[in-house]
Amino acid sequence: MEMTISDRKEREKEMRRKDIIDTAEKLSFQQGYENITMADIAEGAELARSTLYLYFKNKKEIYLAISVRSTELLNKMLKENYEKGENGLEKVKMLMNTFYRFYKEYPDYYDVNWSSYKVPIDHDLPGMEEIKKMRMEGFSLFVKALQEGIKDRSIRSDIDPIKSNLVLASSIQNVFNLPPTIKLHLENNNLTHDELIDYTVDMLVHSLK
């Protein structure tokens, strides 16, 4: 079918929006979110600032768009690996290892959502409901795995899926984002960060048996 003028304009609009997000993402990852301005993004995207503001009102809105990208990628990875576990417990471990792989392979995307919190989850911004829904999708996969584990008896029956998931999520994120004192103890004991993360995952999974 022949593309209408309206369709073409909408396509061009989406392409320009993508270019803006691509540019903001690159600048933010290279220089730090705090160190770039809307003027920097407009210049990088080869747009007039007035044109940029037609797409995003402020830097937080652009940052939220990057956050959506990172969450989409993580959810895709989680869904692809979910069925690889033969029982609920294995699925929990598979999901945790997938989150770990996301942290290792996409550190900038991880920082966007799970480290720096530059856009609070309760902030009133366009698209905030979308990101909340997407984050719940990932959370629900872990809950589903825990429920399956209880049903197939690979996980203890006294486990509360919601509370357990919150403990798992907070624990693994804490071991990703280590404070200086813990890093010092790792160094003094000739341990690597990766070793600590692996050990933490094993401990958390074992606690569910």
N, C-alpha and C. Protein backbone atom coordinates (compact mmCIF):
# COMPACT_ATOMS: atom_id res chain seq x y z
N MET A 1 0.83 -1.19 0.00
CA MET A 1 0.00 0.00 0.00
C MET A 1 0.88 1.25 0.00
N GLU A 2 0.43 2.26 -0.72
CA GLU A 2 1.18 3.51 -0.79
C GLU A 2 1.08 4.25 0.54
N MET A 3 2.21 4.74 1.01
CA MET A 3 2.25 5.46 2.27
C MET A 3 1.65 6.86 2.09
N THR A 4 0.71 7.21 2.98
CA THR A 4 0.07 8.52 2.90
C THR A 4 1.01 9.58 3.48
N ILE A 5 0.70 10.83 3.21
CA ILE A 5 1.50 11.94 3.75
C ILE A 5 1.48 11.91 5.27
N SER A 6 0.31 11.59 5.82
CA SER A 6 0.18 11.51 7.28
C SER A 6 1.04 10.39 7.86
N ASP A 7 1.04 9.24 7.19
CA ASP A 7 1.86 8.11 7.62
C ASP A 7 3.34 8.46 7.56
N ARG A 8 3.72 9.14 6.48
CA ARG A 8 5.13 9.50 6.29
C ARG A 8 5.57 10.47 7.39
N LYS A 9 4.73 11.42 7.70
CA LYS A 9 5.06 12.41 8.73
C LYS A 9 5.18 11.73 10.10
N GLU A 10 4.29 10.78 10.36
CA GLU A 10 4.34 10.07 11.64
C GLU A 10 5.61 9.22 11.73
N ARG A 11 5.97 8.61 10.62
CA ARG A 11 7.19 7.81 10.59
C ARG A 11 8.42 8.69 10.81
N GLU A 12 8.44 9.85 10.17
CA GLU A 12 9.56 10.78 10.33
C GLU A 12 9.63 11.27 11.77
N LYS A 13 8.47 11.49 12.36
CA LYS A 13 8.42 11.94 13.76
C LYS A 13 9.01 10.90 14.69
N GLU A 14 8.66 9.63 14.48
CA GLU A 14 9.17 8.54 15.31
C GLU A 14 10.68 8.38 15.11
N MET A 15 11.14 8.53 13.89
CA MET A 15 12.57 8.42 13.61
C MET A 15 13.34 9.54 14.30
N ARG A 16 12.78 10.73 14.28
CA ARG A 16 13.44 11.86 14.94
C ARG A 16 13.46 11.66 16.46
N ARG A 17 12.36 11.14 16.98
CA ARG A 17 12.31 10.87 18.42
C ARG A 17 13.37 9.84 18.81
N LYS A 18 13.51 8.82 17.98
CA LYS A 18 14.53 7.80 18.22
C LYS A 18 15.92 8.41 18.16
N ASP A 19 16.16 9.29 17.20
CA ASP A 19 17.46 9.94 17.08
C ASP A 19 17.78 10.76 18.32
N ILE A 20 16.77 11.42 18.87
CA ILE A 20 16.97 12.22 20.07
C ILE A 20 17.36 11.32 21.25
N ILE A 21 16.63 10.22 21.40
CA ILE A 21 16.92 9.30 22.50
C ILE A 21 18.30 8.68 22.31
N ASP A 22 18.63 8.29 21.08
CA ASP A 22 19.95 7.72 20.79
C ASP A 22 21.06 8.70 21.19
N THR A 23 20.87 9.96 20.81
CA THR A 23 21.87 10.99 21.11
C THR A 23 21.99 11.21 22.61
N ALA A 24 20.85 11.34 23.29
CA ALA A 24 20.86 11.57 24.73
C ALA A 24 21.49 10.40 25.46
N GLU A 25 21.19 9.20 24.99
CA GLU A 25 21.75 7.99 25.60
C GLU A 25 23.27 7.99 25.47
N LYS A 26 23.77 8.27 24.28
CA LYS A 26 25.20 8.28 24.04
C LYS A 26 25.90 9.33 24.89
N LEU A 27 25.35 10.53 24.93
CA LEU A 27 25.97 11.61 25.71
C LEU A 27 25.92 11.32 27.19
N SER A 28 24.79 10.79 27.63
CA SER A 28 24.62 10.48 29.05
C SER A 28 25.59 9.41 29.51
N PHE A 29 25.76 8.37 28.70
CA PHE A 29 26.66 7.28 29.04
C PHE A 29 28.13 7.73 28.99
N GLN A 30 28.44 8.64 28.08
CA GLN A 30 29.82 9.11 27.95
C GLN A 30 30.20 10.15 29.00
N GLN A 31 29.29 11.09 29.25
CA GLN A 31 29.63 12.24 30.08
C GLN A 31 28.93 12.27 31.43
N GLY A 32 27.89 11.47 31.58
CA GLY A 32 27.11 11.49 32.81
C GLY A 32 25.86 12.33 32.64
N TYR A 33 24.75 11.81 33.12
CA TYR A 33 23.46 12.48 32.98
C TYR A 33 23.50 13.91 33.53
N GLU A 34 24.16 14.11 34.66
CA GLU A 34 24.18 15.42 35.32
C GLU A 34 24.97 16.44 34.52
N ASN A 35 25.84 15.96 33.63
CA ASN A 35 26.76 16.87 32.94
C ASN A 35 26.31 17.28 31.55
N ILE A 36 25.16 16.81 31.12
CA ILE A 36 24.67 17.20 29.80
C ILE A 36 23.40 18.05 29.94
N THR A 37 23.15 18.85 28.92
CA THR A 37 22.00 19.74 28.93
C THR A 37 21.12 19.46 27.72
N MET A 38 19.95 20.06 27.71
CA MET A 38 19.07 19.94 26.55
C MET A 38 19.75 20.54 25.32
N ALA A 39 20.55 21.59 25.53
CA ALA A 39 21.28 22.21 24.42
C ALA A 39 22.28 21.22 23.83
N ASP A 40 22.94 20.46 24.72
CA ASP A 40 23.90 19.44 24.24
C ASP A 40 23.19 18.38 23.40
N ILE A 41 22.03 17.96 23.87
CA ILE A 41 21.27 16.93 23.16
C ILE A 41 20.80 17.45 21.81
N ALA A 42 20.31 18.69 21.79
CA ALA A 42 19.85 19.29 20.54
C ALA A 42 20.99 19.40 19.53
N GLU A 43 22.15 19.83 20.01
CA GLU A 43 23.32 19.95 19.12
C GLU A 43 23.74 18.58 18.60
N GLY A 44 23.76 17.59 19.49
CA GLY A 44 24.16 16.25 19.07
C GLY A 44 23.21 15.63 18.07
N ALA A 45 21.95 15.95 18.21
CA ALA A 45 20.93 15.41 17.29
C ALA A 45 20.74 16.30 16.07
N GLU A 46 21.51 17.38 16.00
CA GLU A 46 21.46 18.34 14.89
C GLU A 46 20.05 18.91 14.74
N LEU A 47 19.52 19.36 15.88
CA LEU A 47 18.20 19.96 15.91
C LEU A 47 18.26 21.32 16.59
N ALA A 48 17.34 22.17 16.23
CA ALA A 48 17.18 23.42 16.98
C ALA A 48 16.58 23.08 18.34
N ARG A 49 16.94 23.83 19.37
CA ARG A 49 16.40 23.54 20.69
C ARG A 49 14.88 23.60 20.70
N SER A 50 14.32 24.52 19.93
CA SER A 50 12.87 24.65 19.86
C SER A 50 12.23 23.38 19.30
N THR A 51 12.92 22.73 18.37
CA THR A 51 12.42 21.46 17.80
C THR A 51 12.51 20.35 18.84
N LEU A 52 13.61 20.31 19.58
CA LEU A 52 13.78 19.30 20.62
C LEU A 52 12.64 19.36 21.63
N TYR A 53 12.25 20.57 22.01
CA TYR A 53 11.20 20.73 23.02
C TYR A 53 9.81 20.34 22.49
N LEU A 54 9.69 20.16 21.21
CA LEU A 54 8.43 19.65 20.66
C LEU A 54 8.26 18.17 21.00
N TYR A 55 9.38 17.49 21.24
CA TYR A 55 9.36 16.06 21.51
C TYR A 55 9.49 15.73 23.00
N PHE A 56 10.30 16.50 23.70
CA PHE A 56 10.51 16.28 25.13
C PHE A 56 10.55 17.63 25.84
N LYS A 57 9.80 17.74 26.93
CA LYS A 57 9.74 19.00 27.67
C LYS A 57 10.99 19.27 28.48
N ASN A 58 11.65 18.20 28.92
CA ASN A 58 12.83 18.37 29.75
C ASN A 58 13.70 17.11 29.68
N LYS A 59 14.84 17.18 30.36
CA LYS A 59 15.80 16.08 30.33
C LYS A 59 15.27 14.83 31.02
N LYS A 60 14.43 15.01 32.04
CA LYS A 60 13.88 13.86 32.75
C LYS A 60 13.01 13.02 31.84
N GLU A 61 12.27 13.67 30.97
CA GLU A 61 11.42 12.91 30.04
C GLU A 61 12.28 12.07 29.09
N ILE A 62 13.40 12.62 28.65
CA ILE A 62 14.29 11.87 27.78
C ILE A 62 14.91 10.71 28.54
N TYR A 63 15.31 10.98 29.78
CA TYR A 63 15.91 9.93 30.60
C TYR A 63 14.92 8.80 30.84
N LEU A 64 13.65 9.14 31.00
CA LEU A 64 12.63 8.12 31.19
C LEU A 64 12.51 7.25 29.94
N ALA A 65 12.65 7.86 28.76
CA ALA A 65 12.60 7.11 27.51
C ALA A 65 13.76 6.11 27.44
N ILE A 66 14.93 6.50 27.93
CA ILE A 66 16.08 5.58 27.99
C ILE A 66 15.78 4.47 29.00
N SER A 67 15.11 4.84 30.08
CA SER A 67 14.73 3.85 31.10
C SER A 67 13.79 2.81 30.52
N VAL A 68 12.88 3.24 29.67
CA VAL A 68 11.96 2.31 29.01
C VAL A 68 12.75 1.32 28.16
N ARG A 69 13.72 1.82 27.43
CA ARG A 69 14.56 0.95 26.60
C ARG A 69 15.26 -0.11 27.44
N SER A 70 15.85 0.32 28.54
CA SER A 70 16.61 -0.63 29.35
C SER A 70 15.70 -1.69 29.96
N THR A 71 14.51 -1.28 30.38
CA THR A 71 13.57 -2.23 30.97
C THR A 71 13.04 -3.20 29.94
N GLU A 72 12.79 -2.71 28.72
CA GLU A 72 12.36 -3.60 27.63
C GLU A 72 13.41 -4.67 27.36
N LEU A 73 14.66 -4.26 27.36
CA LEU A 73 15.74 -5.21 27.09
C LEU A 73 15.83 -6.26 28.20
N LEU A 74 15.77 -5.82 29.46
CA LEU A 74 15.85 -6.77 30.56
C LEU A 74 14.67 -7.73 30.53
N ASN A 75 13.46 -7.22 30.32
CA ASN A 75 12.28 -8.09 30.28
C ASN A 75 12.39 -9.12 29.16
N LYS A 76 12.92 -8.70 28.03
CA LYS A 76 13.11 -9.61 26.90
C LYS A 76 14.07 -10.74 27.29
N MET A 77 15.16 -10.38 27.95
CA MET A 77 16.14 -11.38 28.39
C MET A 77 15.54 -12.33 29.42
N LEU A 78 14.76 -11.79 30.35
CA LEU A 78 14.14 -12.62 31.38
C LEU A 78 13.15 -13.61 30.76
N LYS A 79 12.33 -13.13 29.84
CA LYS A 79 11.33 -14.00 29.22
C LYS A 79 11.98 -15.10 28.39
N GLU A 80 13.07 -14.75 27.70
CA GLU A 80 13.76 -15.73 26.87
C GLU A 80 14.38 -16.86 27.69
N ASN A 81 14.78 -16.56 28.92
CA ASN A 81 15.46 -17.54 29.75
C ASN A 81 14.56 -18.24 30.77
N TYR A 82 13.35 -17.75 30.91
CA TYR A 82 12.46 -18.28 31.94
C TYR A 82 12.22 -19.78 31.80
N GLU A 83 11.93 -20.23 30.60
CA GLU A 83 11.55 -21.62 30.38
C GLU A 83 12.74 -22.59 30.40
N LYS A 84 13.94 -22.06 30.54
CA LYS A 84 15.12 -22.94 30.53
C LYS A 84 15.27 -23.73 31.83
N GLY A 85 14.61 -23.26 32.89
CA GLY A 85 14.65 -23.99 34.15
C GLY A 85 13.66 -25.14 34.15
N GLU A 86 14.07 -26.30 34.67
CA GLU A 86 13.20 -27.47 34.67
C GLU A 86 12.18 -27.46 35.80
N ASN A 87 12.43 -26.68 36.84
CA ASN A 87 11.46 -26.53 37.92
C ASN A 87 11.50 -25.09 38.44
N GLY A 88 10.65 -24.80 39.41
CA GLY A 88 10.55 -23.43 39.90
C GLY A 88 11.85 -22.89 40.45
N LEU A 89 12.56 -23.71 41.22
CA LEU A 89 13.82 -23.27 41.82
C LEU A 89 14.85 -22.95 40.75
N GLU A 90 14.94 -23.81 39.74
CA GLU A 90 15.89 -23.57 38.66
C GLU A 90 15.53 -22.31 37.88
N LYS A 91 14.22 -22.06 37.76
CA LYS A 91 13.79 -20.85 37.05
C LYS A 91 14.16 -19.60 37.83
N VAL A 92 14.04 -19.67 39.16
CA VAL A 92 14.45 -18.52 39.98
C VAL A 92 15.93 -18.24 39.77
N LYS A 93 16.74 -19.29 39.82
CA LYS A 93 18.18 -19.12 39.63
C LYS A 93 18.48 -18.62 38.22
N MET A 94 17.76 -19.15 37.23
CA MET A 94 17.97 -18.71 35.86
C MET A 94 17.66 -17.23 35.71
N LEU A 95 16.58 -16.79 36.33
CA LEU A 95 16.21 -15.37 36.27
C LEU A 95 17.23 -14.49 36.96
N MET A 96 17.73 -14.93 38.11
CA MET A 96 18.74 -14.15 38.83
C MET A 96 20.03 -14.07 38.03
N ASN A 97 20.42 -15.16 37.41
CA ASN A 97 21.63 -15.16 36.58
C ASN A 97 21.46 -14.29 35.34
N THR A 98 20.23 -14.24 34.84
CA THR A 98 19.94 -13.38 33.69
C THR A 98 20.06 -11.91 34.08
N PHE A 99 19.56 -11.57 35.25
CA PHE A 99 19.68 -10.20 35.76
C PHE A 99 21.16 -9.86 35.95
N TYR A 100 21.92 -10.81 36.43
CA TYR A 100 23.37 -10.64 36.60
C TYR A 100 24.03 -10.40 35.24
N ARG A 101 23.63 -11.18 34.24
CA ARG A 101 24.20 -11.01 32.90
C ARG A 101 23.85 -9.64 32.33
N PHE A 102 22.63 -9.18 32.58
CA PHE A 102 22.21 -7.84 32.15
C PHE A 102 23.11 -6.79 32.80
N TYR A 103 23.35 -6.95 34.09
CA TYR A 103 24.20 -6.03 34.85
C TYR A 103 25.62 -5.99 34.27
N LYS A 104 26.13 -7.17 33.86
CA LYS A 104 27.49 -7.25 33.34
C LYS A 104 27.59 -6.74 31.90
N GLU A 105 26.62 -7.09 31.07
CA GLU A 105 26.70 -6.78 29.65
C GLU A 105 26.19 -5.38 29.31
N TYR A 106 25.29 -4.86 30.13
CA TYR A 106 24.71 -3.55 29.86
C TYR A 106 24.78 -2.66 31.11
N PRO A 107 25.99 -2.37 31.59
CA PRO A 107 26.14 -1.62 32.83
C PRO A 107 25.49 -0.23 32.80
N ASP A 108 25.53 0.41 31.63
CA ASP A 108 24.91 1.75 31.54
C ASP A 108 23.40 1.66 31.66
N TYR A 109 22.81 0.66 31.01
CA TYR A 109 21.37 0.46 31.13
C TYR A 109 20.98 0.07 32.56
N TYR A 110 21.82 -0.75 33.18
CA TYR A 110 21.54 -1.11 34.58
C TYR A 110 21.55 0.13 35.45
N ASP A 111 22.51 1.01 35.23
CA ASP A 111 22.63 2.23 36.02
C ASP A 111 21.39 3.12 35.88
N VAL A 112 20.81 3.11 34.68
CA VAL A 112 19.64 3.95 34.43
C VAL A 112 18.49 3.63 35.39
N ASN A 113 18.24 2.36 35.61
CA ASN A 113 17.06 1.95 36.38
C ASN A 113 17.34 1.47 37.79
N TRP A 114 18.51 0.86 37.99
CA TRP A 114 18.69 0.15 39.26
C TRP A 114 19.88 0.63 40.09
N SER A 115 20.47 1.74 39.70
CA SER A 115 21.61 2.22 40.47
C SER A 115 21.47 3.69 40.82
N SER A 116 21.23 4.53 39.81
CA SER A 116 21.28 5.96 40.05
C SER A 116 19.93 6.57 40.44
N TYR A 117 18.82 6.00 39.96
CA TYR A 117 17.48 6.49 40.29
C TYR A 117 17.35 8.00 40.06
N LYS A 118 17.75 8.45 38.87
CA LYS A 118 17.69 9.88 38.57
C LYS A 118 16.26 10.36 38.30
N VAL A 119 15.38 9.42 37.98
CA VAL A 119 13.97 9.75 37.80
C VAL A 119 13.17 8.89 38.76
N PRO A 120 12.71 9.46 39.89
CA PRO A 120 11.97 8.67 40.88
C PRO A 120 10.77 7.99 40.25
N ILE A 121 10.47 6.77 40.72
CA ILE A 121 9.39 5.98 40.14
C ILE A 121 8.03 6.62 40.36
N ASP A 122 7.92 7.51 41.35
CA ASP A 122 6.63 8.15 41.62
C ASP A 122 6.53 9.53 40.97
N HIS A 123 7.51 9.89 40.15
CA HIS A 123 7.51 11.19 39.49
C HIS A 123 6.39 11.25 38.47
N ASP A 124 5.71 12.38 38.40
CA ASP A 124 4.58 12.55 37.48
C ASP A 124 5.10 12.98 36.11
N LEU A 125 5.43 12.01 35.30
CA LEU A 125 5.94 12.28 33.96
C LEU A 125 5.19 11.43 32.94
N PRO A 126 5.02 11.95 31.71
CA PRO A 126 4.40 11.13 30.67
C PRO A 126 5.21 9.85 30.46
N GLY A 127 4.53 8.72 30.43
CA GLY A 127 5.23 7.46 30.24
C GLY A 127 5.59 6.76 31.53
N MET A 128 5.37 7.42 32.68
CA MET A 128 5.73 6.79 33.94
C MET A 128 4.90 5.55 34.21
N GLU A 129 3.64 5.58 33.83
CA GLU A 129 2.78 4.40 34.03
C GLU A 129 3.27 3.23 33.18
N GLU A 130 3.79 3.55 32.00
CA GLU A 130 4.32 2.50 31.12
C GLU A 130 5.51 1.81 31.78
N ILE A 131 6.43 2.59 32.34
CA ILE A 131 7.61 2.00 32.95
C ILE A 131 7.25 1.20 34.19
N LYS A 132 6.26 1.67 34.95
CA LYS A 132 5.81 0.93 36.12
C LYS A 132 5.25 -0.43 35.70
N LYS A 133 4.46 -0.43 34.64
CA LYS A 133 3.87 -1.68 34.15
C LYS A 133 4.95 -2.63 33.68
N MET A 134 5.95 -2.11 32.99
CA MET A 134 7.03 -2.95 32.49
C MET A 134 7.84 -3.55 33.62
N ARG A 135 8.10 -2.76 34.66
CA ARG A 135 8.86 -3.28 35.79
C ARG A 135 8.07 -4.35 36.54
N MET A 136 6.77 -4.21 36.56
CA MET A 136 5.93 -5.23 37.19
C MET A 136 5.97 -6.54 36.42
N GLU A 137 6.17 -6.46 35.11
CA GLU A 137 6.26 -7.68 34.30
C GLU A 137 7.45 -8.52 34.73
N GLY A 138 8.58 -7.88 34.92
CA GLY A 138 9.76 -8.60 35.37
C GLY A 138 9.58 -9.15 36.76
N PHE A 139 9.01 -8.33 37.65
CA PHE A 139 8.74 -8.76 39.03
C PHE A 139 7.82 -9.97 39.04
N SER A 140 6.81 -9.95 38.18
CA SER A 140 5.82 -11.04 38.14
C SER A 140 6.43 -12.36 37.69
N LEU A 141 7.45 -12.29 36.82
CA LEU A 141 8.11 -13.53 36.39
C LEU A 141 8.79 -14.24 37.56
N PHE A 142 9.43 -13.46 38.42
CA PHE A 142 10.07 -14.04 39.60
C PHE A 142 9.02 -14.64 40.54
N VAL A 143 7.93 -13.93 40.73
CA VAL A 143 6.85 -14.43 41.59
C VAL A 143 6.29 -15.73 41.01
N LYS A 144 6.11 -15.76 39.70
CA LYS A 144 5.58 -16.95 39.04
C LYS A 144 6.51 -18.14 39.24
N ALA A 145 7.81 -17.90 39.13
CA ALA A 145 8.79 -18.98 39.33
C ALA A 145 8.74 -19.50 40.76
N LEU A 146 8.61 -18.60 41.72
CA LEU A 146 8.51 -19.00 43.12
C LEU A 146 7.25 -19.82 43.36
N GLN A 147 6.15 -19.40 42.78
CA GLN A 147 4.89 -20.14 42.92
C GLN A 147 4.99 -21.52 42.29
N GLU A 148 5.64 -21.61 41.14
CA GLU A 148 5.82 -22.91 40.49
C GLU A 148 6.68 -23.82 41.35
N GLY A 149 7.72 -23.21 41.97
CA GLY A 149 8.60 -23.99 42.82
C GLY A 149 7.89 -24.58 44.03
N ILE A 150 6.99 -23.79 44.61
CA ILE A 150 6.20 -24.28 45.74
C ILE A 150 5.31 -25.43 45.28
N LYS A 151 4.73 -25.27 44.10
CA LYS A 151 3.83 -26.29 43.58
C LYS A 151 4.57 -27.58 43.22
N ASP A 152 5.76 -27.46 42.62
CA ASP A 152 6.49 -28.68 42.24
C ASP A 152 7.43 -29.17 43.34
N ARG A 153 7.39 -28.48 44.49
CA ARG A 153 8.13 -28.85 45.71
C ARG A 153 9.65 -28.70 45.60
N SER A 154 10.09 -27.92 44.66
CA SER A 154 11.52 -27.61 44.61
C SER A 154 11.84 -26.43 45.52
N ILE A 155 10.77 -25.74 45.98
CA ILE A 155 10.90 -24.61 46.90
C ILE A 155 10.04 -24.88 48.12
N ARG A 156 10.52 -24.46 49.28
CA ARG A 156 9.80 -24.69 50.53
C ARG A 156 8.37 -24.15 50.48
N SER A 157 7.47 -24.87 51.10
CA SER A 157 6.05 -24.50 51.06
C SER A 157 5.73 -23.30 51.94
N ASP A 158 6.62 -22.97 52.90
CA ASP A 158 6.35 -21.84 53.79
C ASP A 158 6.84 -20.51 53.21
N ILE A 159 7.35 -20.55 51.98
CA ILE A 159 7.85 -19.32 51.33
C ILE A 159 6.68 -18.45 50.88
N ASP A 160 6.75 -17.16 51.19
CA ASP A 160 5.80 -16.18 50.67
C ASP A 160 6.38 -15.63 49.37
N PRO A 161 5.77 -15.89 48.22
CA PRO A 161 6.35 -15.49 46.93
C PRO A 161 6.63 -13.99 46.82
N ILE A 162 5.71 -13.16 47.28
CA ILE A 162 5.90 -11.71 47.16
C ILE A 162 7.05 -11.24 48.05
N LYS A 163 7.00 -11.61 49.33
CA LYS A 163 8.05 -11.18 50.25
C LYS A 163 9.41 -11.74 49.83
N SER A 164 9.42 -13.00 49.42
CA SER A 164 10.67 -13.62 49.01
C SER A 164 11.25 -12.92 47.79
N ASN A 165 10.39 -12.55 46.87
CA ASN A 165 10.86 -11.86 45.67
C ASN A 165 11.48 -10.51 46.03
N LEU A 166 10.86 -9.81 46.97
CA LEU A 166 11.39 -8.52 47.41
C LEU A 166 12.76 -8.69 48.06
N VAL A 167 12.91 -9.75 48.84
CA VAL A 167 14.20 -10.03 49.48
C VAL A 167 15.25 -10.36 48.42
N LEU A 168 14.87 -11.20 47.45
CA LEU A 168 15.80 -11.57 46.38
C LEU A 168 16.24 -10.34 45.59
N ALA A 169 15.27 -9.52 45.22
CA ALA A 169 15.57 -8.34 44.40
C ALA A 169 16.47 -7.35 45.13
N SER A 170 16.12 -7.06 46.39
CA SER A 170 16.92 -6.09 47.15
C SER A 170 18.31 -6.63 47.46
N SER A 171 18.39 -7.93 47.74
CA SER A 171 19.69 -8.54 48.06
C SER A 171 20.64 -8.52 46.88
N ILE A 172 20.14 -8.91 45.71
CA ILE A 172 21.02 -8.98 44.55
C ILE A 172 21.42 -7.59 44.09
N GLN A 173 20.52 -6.62 44.20
CA GLN A 173 20.87 -5.25 43.82
C GLN A 173 21.88 -4.65 44.79
N ASN A 174 21.76 -4.99 46.06
CA ASN A 174 22.72 -4.49 47.05
C ASN A 174 24.12 -5.04 46.79
N VAL A 175 24.19 -6.30 46.38
CA VAL A 175 25.52 -6.87 46.12
C VAL A 175 26.09 -6.37 44.79
N PHE A 176 25.23 -5.91 43.89
CA PHE A 176 25.72 -5.25 42.68
C PHE A 176 26.31 -3.88 43.02
N ASN A 177 25.62 -3.15 43.90
CA ASN A 177 25.99 -1.77 44.23
C ASN A 177 26.70 -1.72 45.58
N LEU A 178 27.91 -2.20 45.61
CA LEU A 178 28.64 -2.32 46.87
C LEU A 178 29.14 -0.97 47.39
N PRO A 179 29.04 -0.76 48.70
CA PRO A 179 29.62 0.44 49.31
C PRO A 179 31.14 0.29 49.40
N PRO A 180 31.87 1.38 49.57
CA PRO A 180 33.35 1.34 49.62
C PRO A 180 33.91 0.38 50.67
N THR A 181 33.26 0.29 51.84
CA THR A 181 33.79 -0.57 52.90
C THR A 181 33.80 -2.04 52.48
N ILE A 182 32.72 -2.48 51.84
CA ILE A 182 32.65 -3.87 51.39
C ILE A 182 33.69 -4.12 50.29
N LYS A 183 33.88 -3.15 49.42
CA LYS A 183 34.89 -3.29 48.38
C LYS A 183 36.28 -3.44 49.00
N LEU A 184 36.53 -2.72 50.09
CA LEU A 184 37.80 -2.82 50.79
C LEU A 184 37.99 -4.22 51.37
N HIS A 185 36.91 -4.77 51.97
CA HIS A 185 36.99 -6.12 52.54
C HIS A 185 37.24 -7.16 51.45
N LEU A 186 36.62 -6.97 50.29
CA LEU A 186 36.87 -7.89 49.17
C LEU A 186 38.35 -7.89 48.80
N GLU A 187 38.88 -6.70 48.66
CA GLU A 187 40.29 -6.55 48.27
C GLU A 187 41.21 -7.18 49.32
N ASN A 188 40.92 -6.92 50.59
CA ASN A 188 41.77 -7.44 51.67
C ASN A 188 41.73 -8.97 51.76
N ASN A 189 40.63 -9.56 51.25
CA ASN A 189 40.49 -11.01 51.31
C ASN A 189 40.68 -11.68 49.94
N ASN A 190 41.25 -10.92 49.02
CA ASN A 190 41.56 -11.44 47.68
C ASN A 190 40.35 -12.05 46.98
N LEU A 191 39.22 -11.37 47.13
CA LEU A 191 37.98 -11.81 46.48
C LEU A 191 37.58 -10.79 45.42
N THR A 192 36.97 -11.29 44.36
CA THR A 192 36.48 -10.39 43.32
C THR A 192 35.00 -10.11 43.52
N HIS A 193 34.54 -9.06 42.90
CA HIS A 193 33.12 -8.71 42.96
C HIS A 193 32.28 -9.83 42.34
N ASP A 194 32.75 -10.38 41.24
CA ASP A 194 32.02 -11.46 40.58
C ASP A 194 31.88 -12.69 41.49
N GLU A 195 32.93 -12.99 42.22
CA GLU A 195 32.87 -14.13 43.15
C GLU A 195 31.81 -13.91 44.22
N LEU A 196 31.75 -12.69 44.72
CA LEU A 196 30.75 -12.37 45.75
C LEU A 196 29.34 -12.48 45.20
N ILE A 197 29.14 -12.01 43.97
CA ILE A 197 27.82 -12.08 43.34
C ILE A 197 27.40 -13.53 43.13
N ASP A 198 28.31 -14.34 42.61
CA ASP A 198 28.02 -15.77 42.41
C ASP A 198 27.64 -16.45 43.73
N TYR A 199 28.39 -16.13 44.77
CA TYR A 199 28.15 -16.73 46.08
C TYR A 199 26.80 -16.28 46.64
N THR A 200 26.49 -15.01 46.41
CA THR A 200 25.21 -14.47 46.89
C THR A 200 24.03 -15.16 46.20
N VAL A 201 24.12 -15.34 44.89
CA VAL A 201 23.06 -16.02 44.15
C VAL A 201 22.87 -17.43 44.68
N ASP A 202 23.97 -18.15 44.90
CA ASP A 202 23.89 -19.52 45.42
C ASP A 202 23.25 -19.55 46.82
N MET A 203 23.62 -18.60 47.66
CA MET A 203 23.05 -18.54 49.01
C MET A 203 21.56 -18.26 48.98
N LEU A 204 21.17 -17.32 48.12
CA LEU A 204 19.75 -16.95 48.04
C LEU A 204 18.92 -18.12 47.50
N VAL A 205 19.44 -18.79 46.48
CA VAL A 205 18.72 -19.94 45.92
C VAL A 205 18.64 -21.06 46.95
N HIS A 206 19.73 -21.31 47.65
CA HIS A 206 19.75 -22.38 48.67
C HIS A 206 18.76 -22.08 49.78
N SER A 207 18.56 -20.80 50.10
CA SER A 207 17.62 -20.45 51.18
C SER A 207 16.18 -20.78 50.85
N LEU A 208 15.90 -20.99 49.57
CA LEU A 208 14.54 -21.29 49.14
C LEU A 208 14.23 -22.78 49.17
N LYS A 209 15.27 -23.61 49.27
CA LYS A 209 15.04 -25.06 49.20
C LYS A 209 14.31 -25.59 50.43
